[in-house]
Amino acid sequence: MKFTLVVLALVLAGCTTRYADFNLPSPGTVREDVRWTWTANPEPVLRRGSWPPYDSVDALNPSLVLHHGVLLNLYSGFDGKTWRTLTSPRFGMLSPDPDTWEGGYIAANGSAVEDGPSLLYWFQAGGRTPRIGMSRDWKKRAASVLELGPRGAWDERGVADPYVIKEGEWFYMFFLGQDRARRQRLGLARSRDGINWQKHTSNPILELGPDGAFDENGLGEPAVWKSKGSWWMLYTGRDRREYRRLGLARSQDGVRWERVPSPVISGEEEWNAKVVCDPSVMVQGDMVRVWFGGGNAARPDENINGQIGYGELRVAR
């Protein structure tokens, strides 16, 4: 009995270390009057089939990073059977390993950060109950670094779509969580080393939109930056038709988020008429450069004729 109690105590202690109450650093003096305007390039900037045969069906999920002075796009390519992480310009590739926790279907939907001389990359894998793995300079860790939540949790059936930023000594990860009702919402975690993560005790940090809203059916693929005294988030919202658009939210601490009514970004061209998703951002003064996925088929996952576009958010004068 004593042994059982000790083991139980250790298990509980281990569980508590995986959760914490924290905020992101202050983004500065808040400006209440910030409004954003959106313009987009009419044509894709990376078409499917750019790295045949690996992205012949879909090219989505861009993650832009300046690595050794080169602007590198790590994106997800789908060949009809397998999702991989590809690069433009061609630099490296990650494929799923069917003999590990990753399964044989996906090693993509990731987020890249340059950390000193190294390129860190967090990615989604694990089949129908995805988890998040990590690579350093294209060498994958043997185990996942962000696991499913406990039974009954908001992320019991999946953690996916990582977006990682570094502030000071901490990495912060925004990610999708899925529960047993297949609701997909957004959460937050932090780590000092990119490997051992603490999930926020207040997760999820952004709930589904109300009935009839563009994000009534699911949230995913967050991208976060700070500007004009606030934290900002672009995220993908799905409606009941499986149309996808990008919404904007604002926060002062990275935990409590408030939706911004506009812009809601939808596709205006034939190639992205039904899907705009997967944002990746870079801040350049008053402008935020945004790379995104787009498609012309309303599906929740793949086979959307996905290609990658580019747009800009600018602070309205």
C-alpha atoms as a PDB file:
ATOM      1  CA  MET A   1       0.000   0.000   0.000  1.00  0.00           C
ATOM      2  CA  LYS A   2       2.808   2.413   0.861  1.00  0.00           C
ATOM      3  CA  PHE A   3       4.447   1.702  -2.525  1.00  0.00           C
ATOM      4  CA  THR A   4       1.146   2.355  -4.305  1.00  0.00           C
ATOM      5  CA  LEU A   5       0.692   5.662  -2.500  1.00  0.00           C
ATOM      6  CA  VAL A   6       4.246   6.750  -3.306  1.00  0.00           C
ATOM      7  CA  VAL A   7       3.760   5.911  -6.977  1.00  0.00           C
ATOM      8  CA  LEU A   8       0.434   7.756  -7.016  1.00  0.00           C
ATOM      9  CA  ALA A   9       2.046  10.791  -5.394  1.00  0.00           C
ATOM     10  CA  LEU A  10       4.815  10.786  -7.982  1.00  0.00           C
ATOM     11  CA  VAL A  11       2.330  10.506 -10.817  1.00  0.00           C
ATOM     12  CA  LEU A  12       0.292  13.389  -9.443  1.00  0.00           C
ATOM     13  CA  ALA A  13       3.439  15.435  -8.891  1.00  0.00           C
ATOM     14  CA  GLY A  14       4.482  14.764 -12.480  1.00  0.00           C
ATOM     15  CA  CYS A  15       1.075  15.878 -13.747  1.00  0.00           C
ATOM     16  CA  THR A  16       1.149  19.144 -11.806  1.00  0.00           C
ATOM     17  CA  THR A  17       4.553  20.070 -13.244  1.00  0.00           C
ATOM     18  CA  ARG A  18       3.015  19.992 -16.728  1.00  0.00           C
ATOM     19  CA  TYR A  19       0.710  22.931 -15.967  1.00  0.00           C
ATOM     20  CA  ALA A  20       1.395  26.478 -14.833  1.00  0.00           C
ATOM     21  CA  ASP A  21      -0.231  29.900 -14.530  1.00  0.00           C
ATOM     22  CA  PHE A  22       1.751  32.530 -16.438  1.00  0.00           C
ATOM     23  CA  ASN A  23       1.492  35.506 -18.791  1.00  0.00           C
ATOM     24  CA  LEU A  24       3.484  36.581 -21.794  1.00  0.00           C
ATOM     25  CA  PRO A  25       5.751  39.600 -21.201  1.00  0.00           C
ATOM     26  CA  SER A  26       4.098  43.001 -21.427  1.00  0.00           C
ATOM     27  CA  PRO A  27       3.900  44.182 -25.048  1.00  0.00           C
ATOM     28  CA  GLY A  28       4.300  47.831 -23.976  1.00  0.00           C
ATOM     29  CA  THR A  29       1.956  50.774 -23.620  1.00  0.00           C
ATOM     30  CA  VAL A  30      -1.415  49.865 -25.070  1.00  0.00           C
ATOM     31  CA  ARG A  31      -2.881  51.798 -27.980  1.00  0.00           C
ATOM     32  CA  GLU A  32      -6.646  51.467 -28.124  1.00  0.00           C
ATOM     33  CA  ASP A  33      -7.049  52.987 -31.587  1.00  0.00           C
ATOM     34  CA  VAL A  34      -5.142  50.399 -33.621  1.00  0.00           C
ATOM     35  CA  ARG A  35      -6.949  49.282 -36.772  1.00  0.00           C
ATOM     36  CA  TRP A  36      -5.556  46.980 -39.430  1.00  0.00           C
ATOM     37  CA  THR A  37      -6.102  46.983 -43.185  1.00  0.00           C
ATOM     38  CA  TRP A  38      -5.483  43.960 -45.398  1.00  0.00           C
ATOM     39  CA  THR A  39      -4.170  43.624 -48.932  1.00  0.00           C
ATOM     40  CA  ALA A  40      -3.185  40.375 -50.649  1.00  0.00           C
ATOM     41  CA  ASN A  41      -1.248  39.303 -53.687  1.00  0.00           C
ATOM     42  CA  PRO A  42      -3.815  37.965 -56.212  1.00  0.00           C
ATOM     43  CA  GLU A  43      -1.669  34.985 -57.255  1.00  0.00           C
ATOM     44  CA  PRO A  44      -0.061  32.258 -55.128  1.00  0.00           C
ATOM     45  CA  VAL A  45       3.580  32.825 -54.244  1.00  0.00           C
ATOM     46  CA  LEU A  46       4.222  29.077 -53.971  1.00  0.00           C
ATOM     47  CA  ARG A  47       2.171  26.709 -56.092  1.00  0.00           C
ATOM     48  CA  ARG A  48       1.576  23.044 -55.457  1.00  0.00           C
ATOM     49  CA  GLY A  49       3.950  20.941 -57.510  1.00  0.00           C
ATOM     50  CA  SER A  50       6.910  23.164 -56.649  1.00  0.00           C
ATOM     51  CA  TRP A  51       8.691  20.125 -55.191  1.00  0.00           C
ATOM     52  CA  PRO A  52       7.255  17.179 -57.137  1.00  0.00           C
ATOM     53  CA  PRO A  53       5.988  14.693 -56.280  1.00  0.00           C
ATOM     54  CA  TYR A  54       5.773  15.571 -52.578  1.00  0.00           C
ATOM     55  CA  ASP A  55       3.430  18.571 -52.893  1.00  0.00           C
ATOM     56  CA  SER A  56       1.535  17.570 -56.023  1.00  0.00           C
ATOM     57  CA  VAL A  57      -1.891  17.649 -54.272  1.00  0.00           C
ATOM     58  CA  ASP A  58      -1.534  20.351 -51.582  1.00  0.00           C
ATOM     59  CA  ALA A  59       1.058  22.941 -50.543  1.00  0.00           C
ATOM     60  CA  LEU A  60      -0.040  24.555 -47.254  1.00  0.00           C
ATOM     61  CA  ASN A  61       1.035  25.586 -43.727  1.00  0.00           C
ATOM     62  CA  PRO A  62       3.907  27.992 -44.435  1.00  0.00           C
ATOM     63  CA  SER A  63       6.322  28.777 -41.614  1.00  0.00           C
ATOM     64  CA  LEU A  64       8.722  31.591 -42.502  1.00  0.00           C
ATOM     65  CA  VAL A  65      12.027  32.028 -40.686  1.00  0.00           C
ATOM     66  CA  LEU A  66      15.193  34.006 -41.356  1.00  0.00           C
ATOM     67  CA  HIS A  67      17.900  31.344 -41.052  1.00  0.00           C
ATOM     68  CA  HIS A  68      21.546  32.326 -41.557  1.00  0.00           C
ATOM     69  CA  GLY A  69      20.330  35.355 -43.468  1.00  0.00           C
ATOM     70  CA  VAL A  70      18.105  33.368 -45.850  1.00  0.00           C
ATOM     71  CA  LEU A  71      14.316  33.704 -45.737  1.00  0.00           C
ATOM     72  CA  LEU A  72      13.271  30.066 -45.529  1.00  0.00           C
ATOM     73  CA  ASN A  73       9.741  28.721 -45.908  1.00  0.00           C
ATOM     74  CA  LEU A  74       9.078  25.404 -44.193  1.00  0.00           C
ATOM     75  CA  TYR A  75       5.730  24.265 -45.562  1.00  0.00           C
ATOM     76  CA  SER A  76       3.517  21.180 -45.668  1.00  0.00           C
ATOM     77  CA  GLY A  77       3.388  19.150 -48.869  1.00  0.00           C
ATOM     78  CA  PHE A  78       0.816  16.412 -49.572  1.00  0.00           C
ATOM     79  CA  ASP A  79       1.167  13.857 -52.346  1.00  0.00           C
ATOM     80  CA  GLY A  80      -2.229  12.192 -51.825  1.00  0.00           C
ATOM     81  CA  LYS A  81      -0.956   9.749 -49.182  1.00  0.00           C
ATOM     82  CA  THR A  82       1.584  11.450 -46.933  1.00  0.00           C
ATOM     83  CA  TRP A  83       2.169  14.904 -45.497  1.00  0.00           C
ATOM     84  CA  ARG A  84       5.794  16.045 -45.228  1.00  0.00           C
ATOM     85  CA  THR A  85       7.617  19.220 -44.282  1.00  0.00           C
ATOM     86  CA  LEU A  86       9.318  20.702 -47.334  1.00  0.00           C
ATOM     87  CA  THR A  87      11.304  23.907 -47.802  1.00  0.00           C
ATOM     88  CA  SER A  88      11.509  26.752 -50.274  1.00  0.00           C
ATOM     89  CA  PRO A  89      14.230  27.314 -51.295  1.00  0.00           C
ATOM     90  CA  ARG A  90      15.084  23.632 -51.017  1.00  0.00           C
ATOM     91  CA  PHE A  91      17.043  23.150 -47.832  1.00  0.00           C
ATOM     92  CA  GLY A  92      15.725  20.050 -46.074  1.00  0.00           C
ATOM     93  CA  MET A  93      12.740  17.722 -45.706  1.00  0.00           C
ATOM     94  CA  LEU A  94      11.026  15.848 -42.876  1.00  0.00           C
ATOM     95  CA  SER A  95       9.002  12.689 -43.502  1.00  0.00           C
ATOM     96  CA  PRO A  96       6.949  10.732 -40.934  1.00  0.00           C
ATOM     97  CA  ASP A  97       8.411   7.524 -39.537  1.00  0.00           C
ATOM     98  CA  PRO A  98       5.786   4.735 -39.463  1.00  0.00           C
ATOM     99  CA  ASP A  99       7.787   2.763 -36.890  1.00  0.00           C
ATOM    100  CA  THR A 100       7.623   5.484 -34.217  1.00  0.00           C
ATOM    101  CA  TRP A 101       4.964   7.534 -32.407  1.00  0.00           C
ATOM    102  CA  GLU A 102       4.681   9.643 -35.565  1.00  0.00           C
ATOM    103  CA  GLY A 103       2.895   6.985 -37.609  1.00  0.00           C
ATOM    104  CA  GLY A 104       3.278   7.086 -41.362  1.00  0.00           C
ATOM    105  CA  TYR A 105       0.938   9.892 -42.395  1.00  0.00           C
ATOM    106  CA  ILE A 106       2.082  13.326 -41.280  1.00  0.00           C
ATOM    107  CA  ALA A 107       5.154  15.206 -40.128  1.00  0.00           C
ATOM    108  CA  ALA A 108       4.110  18.744 -40.971  1.00  0.00           C
ATOM    109  CA  ASN A 109       1.883  21.696 -39.873  1.00  0.00           C
ATOM    110  CA  GLY A 110       4.889  23.145 -38.097  1.00  0.00           C
ATOM    111  CA  SER A 111       6.576  26.233 -36.700  1.00  0.00           C
ATOM    112  CA  ALA A 112      10.230  27.212 -37.169  1.00  0.00           C
ATOM    113  CA  VAL A 113      12.415  29.400 -34.924  1.00  0.00           C
ATOM    114  CA  GLU A 114      16.089  30.257 -35.334  1.00  0.00           C
ATOM    115  CA  ASP A 115      17.816  29.793 -31.965  1.00  0.00           C
ATOM    116  CA  GLY A 116      21.454  30.840 -32.177  1.00  0.00           C
ATOM    117  CA  PRO A 117      23.011  28.784 -34.972  1.00  0.00           C
ATOM    118  CA  SER A 118      20.271  26.137 -34.848  1.00  0.00           C
ATOM    119  CA  LEU A 119      16.953  25.808 -36.622  1.00  0.00           C
ATOM    120  CA  LEU A 120      14.269  24.525 -34.263  1.00  0.00           C
ATOM    121  CA  TYR A 121      11.070  23.146 -35.724  1.00  0.00           C
ATOM    122  CA  TRP A 122       7.957  21.883 -33.976  1.00  0.00           C
ATOM    123  CA  PHE A 123       5.592  19.754 -36.050  1.00  0.00           C
ATOM    124  CA  GLN A 124       2.402  17.722 -35.860  1.00  0.00           C
ATOM    125  CA  ALA A 125       2.407  13.924 -36.188  1.00  0.00           C
ATOM    126  CA  GLY A 126       0.756  10.856 -34.718  1.00  0.00           C
ATOM    127  CA  GLY A 127      -2.188  10.060 -36.963  1.00  0.00           C
ATOM    128  CA  ARG A 128      -5.783  10.531 -35.762  1.00  0.00           C
ATOM    129  CA  THR A 129      -4.725  11.610 -32.270  1.00  0.00           C
ATOM    130  CA  PRO A 130      -1.930  14.022 -33.176  1.00  0.00           C
ATOM    131  CA  ARG A 131       0.829  15.192 -30.884  1.00  0.00           C
ATOM    132  CA  ILE A 132       3.653  17.642 -31.350  1.00  0.00           C
ATOM    133  CA  GLY A 133       7.257  16.693 -32.044  1.00  0.00           C
ATOM    134  CA  MET A 134      10.439  18.670 -32.501  1.00  0.00           C
ATOM    135  CA  SER A 135      13.550  18.675 -34.651  1.00  0.00           C
ATOM    136  CA  ARG A 136      16.819  20.559 -34.311  1.00  0.00           C
ATOM    137  CA  ASP A 137      18.675  21.121 -37.558  1.00  0.00           C
ATOM    138  CA  TRP A 138      16.473  18.447 -39.219  1.00  0.00           C
ATOM    139  CA  LYS A 139      17.217  15.795 -36.581  1.00  0.00           C
ATOM    140  CA  LYS A 140      13.947  14.706 -35.003  1.00  0.00           C
ATOM    141  CA  ARG A 141      13.639  13.829 -31.339  1.00  0.00           C
ATOM    142  CA  ALA A 142      12.633  10.255 -30.662  1.00  0.00           C
ATOM    143  CA  ALA A 143       9.586  11.211 -28.568  1.00  0.00           C
ATOM    144  CA  SER A 144       6.889  13.860 -28.858  1.00  0.00           C
ATOM    145  CA  VAL A 145       7.382  17.021 -26.789  1.00  0.00           C
ATOM    146  CA  LEU A 146       3.728  18.045 -26.264  1.00  0.00           C
ATOM    147  CA  GLU A 147       1.342  15.268 -25.295  1.00  0.00           C
ATOM    148  CA  LEU A 148      -2.413  14.836 -25.155  1.00  0.00           C
ATOM    149  CA  GLY A 149      -4.310  16.135 -22.154  1.00  0.00           C
ATOM    150  CA  PRO A 150      -5.792  13.802 -19.525  1.00  0.00           C
ATOM    151  CA  ARG A 151      -9.138  12.043 -19.861  1.00  0.00           C
ATOM    152  CA  GLY A 152     -11.938  14.568 -20.289  1.00  0.00           C
ATOM    153  CA  ALA A 153      -9.607  17.476 -21.035  1.00  0.00           C
ATOM    154  CA  TRP A 154     -10.128  20.008 -23.800  1.00  0.00           C
ATOM    155  CA  ASP A 155      -7.096  18.505 -25.631  1.00  0.00           C
ATOM    156  CA  GLU A 156      -7.684  14.825 -24.823  1.00  0.00           C
ATOM    157  CA  ARG A 157      -7.927  13.750 -28.474  1.00  0.00           C
ATOM    158  CA  GLY A 158      -5.281  15.889 -30.131  1.00  0.00           C
ATOM    159  CA  VAL A 159      -2.670  18.644 -29.878  1.00  0.00           C
ATOM    160  CA  ALA A 160      -1.630  20.128 -33.212  1.00  0.00           C
ATOM    161  CA  ASP A 161      -0.841  23.267 -35.271  1.00  0.00           C
ATOM    162  CA  PRO A 162       2.018  24.604 -33.120  1.00  0.00           C
ATOM    163  CA  TYR A 163       3.103  28.238 -33.466  1.00  0.00           C
ATOM    164  CA  VAL A 164       6.172  29.072 -31.373  1.00  0.00           C
ATOM    165  CA  ILE A 165       7.682  32.441 -30.465  1.00  0.00           C
ATOM    166  CA  LYS A 166      10.601  33.191 -28.156  1.00  0.00           C
ATOM    167  CA  GLU A 167      10.517  36.025 -25.633  1.00  0.00           C
ATOM    168  CA  GLY A 168      13.458  36.315 -23.260  1.00  0.00           C
ATOM    169  CA  GLU A 169      14.340  32.925 -21.823  1.00  0.00           C
ATOM    170  CA  TRP A 170      10.979  31.335 -22.681  1.00  0.00           C
ATOM    171  CA  PHE A 171       9.513  29.706 -25.741  1.00  0.00           C
ATOM    172  CA  TYR A 172       5.736  30.150 -25.974  1.00  0.00           C
ATOM    173  CA  MET A 173       3.647  27.754 -28.024  1.00  0.00           C
ATOM    174  CA  PHE A 174       0.131  28.460 -29.255  1.00  0.00           C
ATOM    175  CA  PHE A 175      -1.582  25.291 -30.422  1.00  0.00           C
ATOM    176  CA  LEU A 176      -4.835  23.567 -31.315  1.00  0.00           C
ATOM    177  CA  GLY A 177      -6.476  21.186 -28.867  1.00  0.00           C
ATOM    178  CA  GLN A 178      -9.250  18.709 -29.688  1.00  0.00           C
ATOM    179  CA  ASP A 179     -11.621  17.105 -27.202  1.00  0.00           C
ATOM    180  CA  ARG A 180     -13.711  13.938 -27.467  1.00  0.00           C
ATOM    181  CA  ALA A 181     -16.560  15.915 -29.069  1.00  0.00           C
ATOM    182  CA  ARG A 182     -14.045  16.922 -31.783  1.00  0.00           C
ATOM    183  CA  ARG A 183     -14.219  20.581 -30.788  1.00  0.00           C
ATOM    184  CA  GLN A 184     -11.025  22.353 -31.828  1.00  0.00           C
ATOM    185  CA  ARG A 185      -9.926  25.349 -29.765  1.00  0.00           C
ATOM    186  CA  LEU A 186      -6.670  27.167 -29.017  1.00  0.00           C
ATOM    187  CA  GLY A 187      -4.293  26.856 -26.082  1.00  0.00           C
ATOM    188  CA  LEU A 188      -0.936  28.075 -24.764  1.00  0.00           C
ATOM    189  CA  ALA A 189       2.184  26.414 -23.334  1.00  0.00           C
ATOM    190  CA  ARG A 190       5.683  27.553 -22.378  1.00  0.00           C
ATOM    191  CA  SER A 191       9.151  25.998 -22.191  1.00  0.00           C
ATOM    192  CA  ARG A 192      12.710  27.053 -21.434  1.00  0.00           C
ATOM    193  CA  ASP A 193      14.306  24.521 -23.782  1.00  0.00           C
ATOM    194  CA  GLY A 194      11.610  23.845 -26.392  1.00  0.00           C
ATOM    195  CA  ILE A 195      11.328  20.243 -25.182  1.00  0.00           C
ATOM    196  CA  ASN A 196       9.725  20.287 -21.729  1.00  0.00           C
ATOM    197  CA  TRP A 197       6.473  22.227 -21.856  1.00  0.00           C
ATOM    198  CA  GLN A 198       4.020  23.553 -19.291  1.00  0.00           C
ATOM    199  CA  LYS A 199       0.449  23.995 -20.508  1.00  0.00           C
ATOM    200  CA  HIS A 200      -1.463  26.988 -19.199  1.00  0.00           C
ATOM    201  CA  THR A 201      -3.989  26.250 -16.465  1.00  0.00           C
ATOM    202  CA  SER A 202      -6.576  28.482 -18.188  1.00  0.00           C
ATOM    203  CA  ASN A 203      -6.591  26.595 -21.495  1.00  0.00           C
ATOM    204  CA  PRO A 204      -8.337  26.889 -23.861  1.00  0.00           C
ATOM    205  CA  ILE A 205      -7.497  30.554 -24.355  1.00  0.00           C
ATOM    206  CA  LEU A 206      -9.858  31.064 -27.310  1.00  0.00           C
ATOM    207  CA  GLU A 207     -13.256  29.385 -27.654  1.00  0.00           C
ATOM    208  CA  LEU A 208     -15.420  28.691 -30.695  1.00  0.00           C
ATOM    209  CA  GLY A 209     -17.352  31.571 -32.190  1.00  0.00           C
ATOM    210  CA  PRO A 210     -21.145  31.841 -31.847  1.00  0.00           C
ATOM    211  CA  ASP A 211     -23.594  30.143 -34.217  1.00  0.00           C
ATOM    212  CA  GLY A 212     -23.358  31.669 -37.654  1.00  0.00           C
ATOM    213  CA  ALA A 213     -19.867  33.072 -37.133  1.00  0.00           C
ATOM    214  CA  PHE A 214     -16.990  32.288 -39.500  1.00  0.00           C
ATOM    215  CA  ASP A 215     -15.316  30.317 -36.662  1.00  0.00           C
ATOM    216  CA  GLU A 216     -18.364  28.491 -35.280  1.00  0.00           C
ATOM    217  CA  ASN A 217     -17.099  25.018 -36.172  1.00  0.00           C
ATOM    218  CA  GLY A 218     -13.429  25.065 -35.212  1.00  0.00           C
ATOM    219  CA  LEU A 219     -10.282  27.081 -34.547  1.00  0.00           C
ATOM    220  CA  GLY A 220      -6.715  26.322 -35.551  1.00  0.00           C
ATOM    221  CA  GLU A 221      -3.364  27.464 -36.894  1.00  0.00           C
ATOM    222  CA  PRO A 222      -2.646  30.519 -34.709  1.00  0.00           C
ATOM    223  CA  ALA A 223       0.084  33.054 -35.537  1.00  0.00           C
ATOM    224  CA  VAL A 224       1.085  35.555 -32.844  1.00  0.00           C
ATOM    225  CA  TRP A 225       3.068  38.802 -32.756  1.00  0.00           C
ATOM    226  CA  LYS A 226       3.337  41.994 -30.683  1.00  0.00           C
ATOM    227  CA  SER A 227       2.758  45.482 -32.028  1.00  0.00           C
ATOM    228  CA  LYS A 228       1.467  48.855 -30.795  1.00  0.00           C
ATOM    229  CA  GLY A 229       1.241  47.767 -27.157  1.00  0.00           C
ATOM    230  CA  SER A 230      -0.729  44.540 -27.699  1.00  0.00           C
ATOM    231  CA  TRP A 231      -0.317  40.913 -28.572  1.00  0.00           C
ATOM    232  CA  TRP A 232      -2.143  40.006 -31.779  1.00  0.00           C
ATOM    233  CA  MET A 233      -3.234  36.657 -33.157  1.00  0.00           C
ATOM    234  CA  LEU A 234      -4.301  35.615 -36.626  1.00  0.00           C
ATOM    235  CA  TYR A 235      -6.055  32.253 -36.560  1.00  0.00           C
ATOM    236  CA  THR A 236      -8.026  29.989 -38.865  1.00  0.00           C
ATOM    237  CA  GLY A 237     -11.782  29.722 -38.312  1.00  0.00           C
ATOM    238  CA  ARG A 238     -14.015  27.058 -39.849  1.00  0.00           C
ATOM    239  CA  ASP A 239     -17.749  27.434 -40.400  1.00  0.00           C
ATOM    240  CA  ARG A 240     -20.284  24.618 -40.829  1.00  0.00           C
ATOM    241  CA  ARG A 241     -19.763  24.523 -44.593  1.00  0.00           C
ATOM    242  CA  GLU A 242     -16.019  23.953 -43.962  1.00  0.00           C
ATOM    243  CA  TYR A 243     -15.157  27.290 -45.479  1.00  0.00           C
ATOM    244  CA  ARG A 244     -12.045  28.643 -43.759  1.00  0.00           C
ATOM    245  CA  ARG A 245     -11.106  32.264 -43.098  1.00  0.00           C
ATOM    246  CA  LEU A 246      -8.636  34.155 -40.920  1.00  0.00           C
ATOM    247  CA  GLY A 247      -9.752  36.043 -37.850  1.00  0.00           C
ATOM    248  CA  LEU A 248      -7.915  38.507 -35.614  1.00  0.00           C
ATOM    249  CA  ALA A 249      -7.757  38.627 -31.812  1.00  0.00           C
ATOM    250  CA  ARG A 250      -6.020  40.923 -29.328  1.00  0.00           C
ATOM    251  CA  SER A 251      -4.546  40.442 -25.841  1.00  0.00           C
ATOM    252  CA  GLN A 252      -2.480  42.300 -23.268  1.00  0.00           C
ATOM    253  CA  ASP A 253      -1.089  39.202 -21.558  1.00  0.00           C
ATOM    254  CA  GLY A 254      -1.233  36.409 -24.173  1.00  0.00           C
ATOM    255  CA  VAL A 255      -3.828  34.518 -22.135  1.00  0.00           C
ATOM    256  CA  ARG A 256      -7.061  36.524 -22.235  1.00  0.00           C
ATOM    257  CA  TRP A 257      -7.990  37.209 -25.855  1.00  0.00           C
ATOM    258  CA  GLU A 258     -10.672  39.373 -27.388  1.00  0.00           C
ATOM    259  CA  ARG A 259     -11.795  39.004 -30.987  1.00  0.00           C
ATOM    260  CA  VAL A 260     -11.326  42.013 -33.265  1.00  0.00           C
ATOM    261  CA  PRO A 261     -14.362  42.399 -35.572  1.00  0.00           C
ATOM    262  CA  SER A 262     -12.353  43.228 -38.680  1.00  0.00           C
ATOM    263  CA  PRO A 263     -10.700  42.301 -40.821  1.00  0.00           C
ATOM    264  CA  VAL A 264     -11.997  38.766 -41.323  1.00  0.00           C
ATOM    265  CA  ILE A 265      -9.834  37.585 -44.183  1.00  0.00           C
ATOM    266  CA  SER A 266     -11.416  35.466 -46.910  1.00  0.00           C
ATOM    267  CA  GLY A 267     -10.222  34.455 -50.343  1.00  0.00           C
ATOM    268  CA  GLU A 268     -11.019  36.783 -53.221  1.00  0.00           C
ATOM    269  CA  GLU A 269      -9.488  34.748 -56.046  1.00  0.00           C
ATOM    270  CA  GLU A 270     -10.472  31.477 -57.682  1.00  0.00           C
ATOM    271  CA  TRP A 271      -7.529  29.573 -56.181  1.00  0.00           C
ATOM    272  CA  ASN A 272      -8.436  30.502 -52.545  1.00  0.00           C
ATOM    273  CA  ALA A 273     -12.191  31.026 -52.889  1.00  0.00           C
ATOM    274  CA  LYS A 274     -13.164  28.584 -50.117  1.00  0.00           C
ATOM    275  CA  VAL A 275     -10.106  28.308 -47.883  1.00  0.00           C
ATOM    276  CA  VAL A 276      -7.742  30.852 -46.380  1.00  0.00           C
ATOM    277  CA  CYS A 277      -5.768  29.326 -43.502  1.00  0.00           C
ATOM    278  CA  ASP A 278      -2.360  28.603 -41.922  1.00  0.00           C
ATOM    279  CA  PRO A 279      -0.918  32.113 -41.344  1.00  0.00           C
ATOM    280  CA  SER A 280       2.755  32.771 -40.665  1.00  0.00           C
ATOM    281  CA  VAL A 281       3.791  36.328 -39.806  1.00  0.00           C
ATOM    282  CA  MET A 282       6.807  38.636 -39.761  1.00  0.00           C
ATOM    283  CA  VAL A 283       6.645  42.163 -38.341  1.00  0.00           C
ATOM    284  CA  GLN A 284       8.237  44.956 -40.343  1.00  0.00           C
ATOM    285  CA  GLY A 285       7.567  48.332 -38.718  1.00  0.00           C
ATOM    286  CA  ASP A 286       3.861  49.159 -38.987  1.00  0.00           C
ATOM    287  CA  MET A 287       3.384  46.292 -41.446  1.00  0.00           C
ATOM    288  CA  VAL A 288       2.894  42.590 -40.740  1.00  0.00           C
ATOM    289  CA  ARG A 289       3.882  40.313 -43.600  1.00  0.00           C
ATOM    290  CA  VAL A 290       1.556  37.302 -43.776  1.00  0.00           C
ATOM    291  CA  TRP A 291       2.022  34.060 -45.687  1.00  0.00           C
ATOM    292  CA  PHE A 292      -1.024  31.792 -45.742  1.00  0.00           C
ATOM    293  CA  GLY A 293      -2.504  28.667 -47.269  1.00  0.00           C
ATOM    294  CA  GLY A 294      -5.420  28.800 -49.668  1.00  0.00           C
ATOM    295  CA  GLY A 295      -7.647  26.391 -51.567  1.00  0.00           C
ATOM    296  CA  ASN A 296     -10.784  26.138 -53.678  1.00  0.00           C
ATOM    297  CA  ALA A 297     -12.349  23.012 -52.122  1.00  0.00           C
ATOM    298  CA  ALA A 298     -14.257  23.198 -48.825  1.00  0.00           C
ATOM    299  CA  ARG A 299     -12.815  20.283 -46.850  1.00  0.00           C
ATOM    300  CA  PRO A 300     -11.582  20.176 -43.236  1.00  0.00           C
ATOM    301  CA  ASP A 301      -8.222  18.588 -43.930  1.00  0.00           C
ATOM    302  CA  GLU A 302      -6.675  17.913 -47.370  1.00  0.00           C
ATOM    303  CA  ASN A 303      -7.309  17.648 -51.122  1.00  0.00           C
ATOM    304  CA  ILE A 304      -8.197  21.342 -51.275  1.00  0.00           C
ATOM    305  CA  ASN A 305      -5.831  22.151 -54.190  1.00  0.00           C
ATOM    306  CA  GLY A 306      -3.777  23.998 -51.606  1.00  0.00           C
ATOM    307  CA  GLN A 307      -1.291  26.702 -52.526  1.00  0.00           C
ATOM    308  CA  ILE A 308       0.500  29.412 -50.551  1.00  0.00           C
ATOM    309  CA  GLY A 309      -0.318  33.109 -50.782  1.00  0.00           C
ATOM    310  CA  TYR A 310       1.023  36.359 -49.398  1.00  0.00           C
ATOM    311  CA  GLY A 311      -0.627  39.441 -47.932  1.00  0.00           C
ATOM    312  CA  GLU A 312       0.067  42.402 -45.660  1.00  0.00           C
ATOM    313  CA  LEU A 313      -1.600  43.832 -42.590  1.00  0.00           C
ATOM    314  CA  ARG A 314      -0.938  47.520 -42.126  1.00  0.00           C
ATOM    315  CA  VAL A 315      -1.854  49.846 -39.291  1.00  0.00           C
ATOM    316  CA  ALA A 316      -4.471  52.258 -40.616  1.00  0.00           C
ATOM    317  CA  ARG A 317      -3.423  55.905 -40.482  1.00  0.00           C
END
